[in-house]
Amino acid sequence: MTREQIIHSLIMAALMSLFMSGVITLVNTSIDAGFIQRWMHAFYIALPMAFIALLVLRPLASLITRAVMRE
C-alpha cells in the first residue's frame, strides 16, 4: 500500500466515522447541551475502528468490485 493510499484511507475513515457517529448519536440521544460531547466521544471510538476496517477490508472490497464489474 502506498503512502497516498494510507493517507486516503485515513481521511475516508475520519470523514465516514465523523458523519456516522454524528448521525447515530443524534438518532439515539437527540440534540441537547451534551450532544457535541457525546458525538466527539463516539467519534473518538469510531475513528480507529474505521481506519483499521478500511485497511483490512480494502483488498476484499477490491476483489468484490472486480467480480461485479466482470459480469
N, C-alpha and C. Protein backbone atom coordinates (compact mmCIF):
# COMPACT_ATOMS: atom_id res chain seq x y z
N MET A 1 0.84 -1.17 0.00
CA MET A 1 0.00 0.00 0.00
C MET A 1 0.89 1.24 0.00
N THR A 2 0.59 2.18 -0.89
CA THR A 2 1.41 3.39 -0.98
C THR A 2 1.05 4.38 0.13
N ARG A 3 1.92 5.34 0.30
CA ARG A 3 1.67 6.38 1.31
C ARG A 3 0.37 7.13 0.99
N GLU A 4 0.16 7.41 -0.30
CA GLU A 4 -1.06 8.12 -0.72
C GLU A 4 -2.31 7.31 -0.38
N GLN A 5 -2.26 6.00 -0.57
CA GLN A 5 -3.41 5.15 -0.26
C GLN A 5 -3.68 5.11 1.25
N ILE A 6 -2.63 5.12 2.05
CA ILE A 6 -2.80 5.12 3.50
C ILE A 6 -3.42 6.44 3.96
N ILE A 7 -2.92 7.57 3.43
CA ILE A 7 -3.48 8.87 3.77
C ILE A 7 -4.94 8.95 3.32
N HIS A 8 -5.22 8.46 2.11
CA HIS A 8 -6.60 8.45 1.61
C HIS A 8 -7.50 7.63 2.53
N SER A 9 -7.03 6.48 2.96
CA SER A 9 -7.80 5.64 3.88
C SER A 9 -8.05 6.34 5.20
N LEU A 10 -7.05 7.04 5.72
CA LEU A 10 -7.21 7.77 6.98
C LEU A 10 -8.24 8.88 6.84
N ILE A 11 -8.18 9.63 5.74
CA ILE A 11 -9.14 10.70 5.51
C ILE A 11 -10.55 10.14 5.34
N MET A 12 -10.69 9.07 4.57
CA MET A 12 -12.02 8.45 4.40
C MET A 12 -12.55 7.93 5.72
N ALA A 13 -11.70 7.30 6.51
CA ALA A 13 -12.13 6.79 7.82
C ALA A 13 -12.58 7.94 8.71
N ALA A 14 -11.83 9.04 8.70
CA ALA A 14 -12.19 10.18 9.54
C ALA A 14 -13.52 10.78 9.12
N LEU A 15 -13.69 10.99 7.82
CA LEU A 15 -14.94 11.59 7.34
C LEU A 15 -16.14 10.68 7.59
N MET A 16 -15.98 9.41 7.28
CA MET A 16 -17.09 8.47 7.45
C MET A 16 -17.44 8.28 8.93
N SER A 17 -16.44 8.14 9.78
CA SER A 17 -16.73 7.93 11.19
C SER A 17 -17.28 9.20 11.84
N LEU A 18 -16.84 10.38 11.39
CA LEU A 18 -17.39 11.62 11.90
C LEU A 18 -18.88 11.73 11.55
N PHE A 19 -19.20 11.46 10.29
CA PHE A 19 -20.58 11.53 9.84
C PHE A 19 -21.46 10.49 10.54
N MET A 20 -21.01 9.23 10.52
CA MET A 20 -21.82 8.15 11.08
C MET A 20 -21.98 8.29 12.59
N SER A 21 -20.92 8.66 13.30
CA SER A 21 -21.05 8.81 14.75
C SER A 21 -21.98 9.96 15.08
N GLY A 22 -21.97 11.02 14.28
CA GLY A 22 -22.88 12.13 14.50
C GLY A 22 -24.33 11.74 14.29
N VAL A 23 -24.60 11.04 13.19
CA VAL A 23 -25.97 10.61 12.89
C VAL A 23 -26.48 9.64 13.96
N ILE A 24 -25.67 8.66 14.30
CA ILE A 24 -26.11 7.66 15.28
C ILE A 24 -26.30 8.29 16.66
N THR A 25 -25.41 9.19 17.04
CA THR A 25 -25.57 9.88 18.32
C THR A 25 -26.84 10.72 18.32
N LEU A 26 -27.11 11.40 17.22
CA LEU A 26 -28.32 12.21 17.10
C LEU A 26 -29.57 11.35 17.20
N VAL A 27 -29.60 10.25 16.48
CA VAL A 27 -30.77 9.36 16.49
C VAL A 27 -30.99 8.77 17.89
N ASN A 28 -29.91 8.39 18.54
CA ASN A 28 -30.04 7.73 19.84
C ASN A 28 -30.29 8.68 21.01
N THR A 29 -29.81 9.92 20.92
CA THR A 29 -29.89 10.79 22.11
C THR A 29 -30.53 12.15 21.86
N SER A 30 -30.74 12.53 20.63
CA SER A 30 -31.26 13.84 20.22
C SER A 30 -30.28 14.96 20.61
N ILE A 31 -30.61 16.16 20.21
CA ILE A 31 -29.72 17.30 20.45
C ILE A 31 -30.10 17.97 21.78
N ASP A 32 -29.11 18.08 22.64
CA ASP A 32 -29.26 18.83 23.89
C ASP A 32 -27.89 19.40 24.25
N ALA A 33 -27.74 19.85 25.44
CA ALA A 33 -26.48 20.51 25.85
C ALA A 33 -25.27 19.59 25.75
N GLY A 34 -25.44 18.29 25.92
CA GLY A 34 -24.30 17.37 25.90
C GLY A 34 -24.08 16.66 24.58
N PHE A 35 -24.81 17.08 23.53
CA PHE A 35 -24.72 16.37 22.25
C PHE A 35 -23.31 16.34 21.68
N ILE A 36 -22.66 17.49 21.59
CA ILE A 36 -21.32 17.56 20.98
C ILE A 36 -20.34 16.69 21.75
N GLN A 37 -20.41 16.70 23.06
CA GLN A 37 -19.50 15.89 23.87
C GLN A 37 -19.73 14.40 23.60
N ARG A 38 -20.99 13.97 23.55
CA ARG A 38 -21.30 12.56 23.25
C ARG A 38 -20.85 12.19 21.84
N TRP A 39 -21.06 13.12 20.88
CA TRP A 39 -20.67 12.87 19.49
C TRP A 39 -19.16 12.70 19.39
N MET A 40 -18.40 13.59 20.02
CA MET A 40 -16.94 13.51 19.95
C MET A 40 -16.42 12.26 20.65
N HIS A 41 -17.09 11.85 21.70
CA HIS A 41 -16.71 10.60 22.36
C HIS A 41 -16.93 9.41 21.42
N ALA A 42 -18.08 9.39 20.75
CA ALA A 42 -18.37 8.32 19.79
C ALA A 42 -17.37 8.35 18.62
N PHE A 43 -17.03 9.55 18.15
CA PHE A 43 -16.06 9.69 17.06
C PHE A 43 -14.69 9.19 17.49
N TYR A 44 -14.28 9.51 18.71
CA TYR A 44 -13.00 9.08 19.27
C TYR A 44 -12.89 7.54 19.25
N ILE A 45 -13.99 6.87 19.51
CA ILE A 45 -14.01 5.41 19.49
C ILE A 45 -14.09 4.89 18.05
N ALA A 46 -14.89 5.55 17.21
CA ALA A 46 -15.15 5.06 15.86
C ALA A 46 -13.97 5.22 14.91
N LEU A 47 -13.21 6.30 15.04
CA LEU A 47 -12.14 6.57 14.07
C LEU A 47 -11.10 5.45 13.96
N PRO A 48 -10.52 4.98 15.06
CA PRO A 48 -9.53 3.90 14.88
C PRO A 48 -10.15 2.63 14.33
N MET A 49 -11.39 2.35 14.72
CA MET A 49 -12.07 1.15 14.20
C MET A 49 -12.30 1.27 12.69
N ALA A 50 -12.72 2.45 12.25
CA ALA A 50 -12.96 2.67 10.83
C ALA A 50 -11.66 2.57 10.03
N PHE A 51 -10.58 3.13 10.56
CA PHE A 51 -9.30 3.09 9.86
C PHE A 51 -8.79 1.65 9.74
N ILE A 52 -8.85 0.91 10.81
CA ILE A 52 -8.43 -0.50 10.78
C ILE A 52 -9.30 -1.29 9.82
N ALA A 53 -10.61 -1.06 9.87
CA ALA A 53 -11.52 -1.77 8.97
C ALA A 53 -11.19 -1.46 7.51
N LEU A 54 -10.92 -0.19 7.20
CA LEU A 54 -10.56 0.16 5.83
C LEU A 54 -9.29 -0.54 5.38
N LEU A 55 -8.28 -0.56 6.23
CA LEU A 55 -7.02 -1.20 5.86
C LEU A 55 -7.19 -2.71 5.67
N VAL A 56 -7.97 -3.33 6.55
CA VAL A 56 -8.13 -4.78 6.50
C VAL A 56 -9.09 -5.20 5.37
N LEU A 57 -10.16 -4.44 5.19
CA LEU A 57 -11.20 -4.85 4.24
C LEU A 57 -11.01 -4.31 2.83
N ARG A 58 -10.05 -3.43 2.63
CA ARG A 58 -9.81 -2.86 1.31
C ARG A 58 -9.54 -3.93 0.24
N PRO A 59 -8.69 -4.91 0.51
CA PRO A 59 -8.47 -5.95 -0.51
C PRO A 59 -9.74 -6.73 -0.85
N LEU A 60 -10.55 -7.02 0.15
CA LEU A 60 -11.80 -7.73 -0.09
C LEU A 60 -12.75 -6.87 -0.93
N ALA A 61 -12.84 -5.59 -0.61
CA ALA A 61 -13.70 -4.69 -1.39
C ALA A 61 -13.22 -4.59 -2.83
N SER A 62 -11.92 -4.56 -3.05
CA SER A 62 -11.38 -4.53 -4.42
C SER A 62 -11.71 -5.81 -5.16
N LEU A 63 -11.60 -6.94 -4.49
CA LEU A 63 -11.92 -8.23 -5.11
C LEU A 63 -13.39 -8.30 -5.50
N ILE A 64 -14.27 -7.88 -4.61
CA ILE A 64 -15.70 -7.88 -4.90
C ILE A 64 -16.02 -6.92 -6.05
N THR A 65 -15.39 -5.77 -6.05
CA THR A 65 -15.62 -4.80 -7.12
C THR A 65 -15.21 -5.37 -8.47
N ARG A 66 -14.05 -6.01 -8.54
CA ARG A 66 -13.62 -6.62 -9.80
C ARG A 66 -14.58 -7.71 -10.25
N ALA A 67 -15.07 -8.51 -9.30
CA ALA A 67 -16.01 -9.58 -9.64
C ALA A 67 -17.32 -9.02 -10.18
N VAL A 68 -17.81 -7.97 -9.56
CA VAL A 68 -19.07 -7.35 -10.01
C VAL A 68 -18.89 -6.71 -11.38
N MET A 69 -17.77 -6.08 -11.61
CA MET A 69 -17.54 -5.41 -12.88
C MET A 69 -17.33 -6.38 -14.03
N ARG A 70 -16.94 -7.60 -13.77
CA ARG A 70 -16.77 -8.61 -14.82
C ARG A 70 -18.10 -9.10 -15.37
N GLU A 71 -19.16 -8.99 -14.59
CA GLU A 71 -20.47 -9.52 -15.01
C GLU A 71 -21.10 -8.68 -16.07
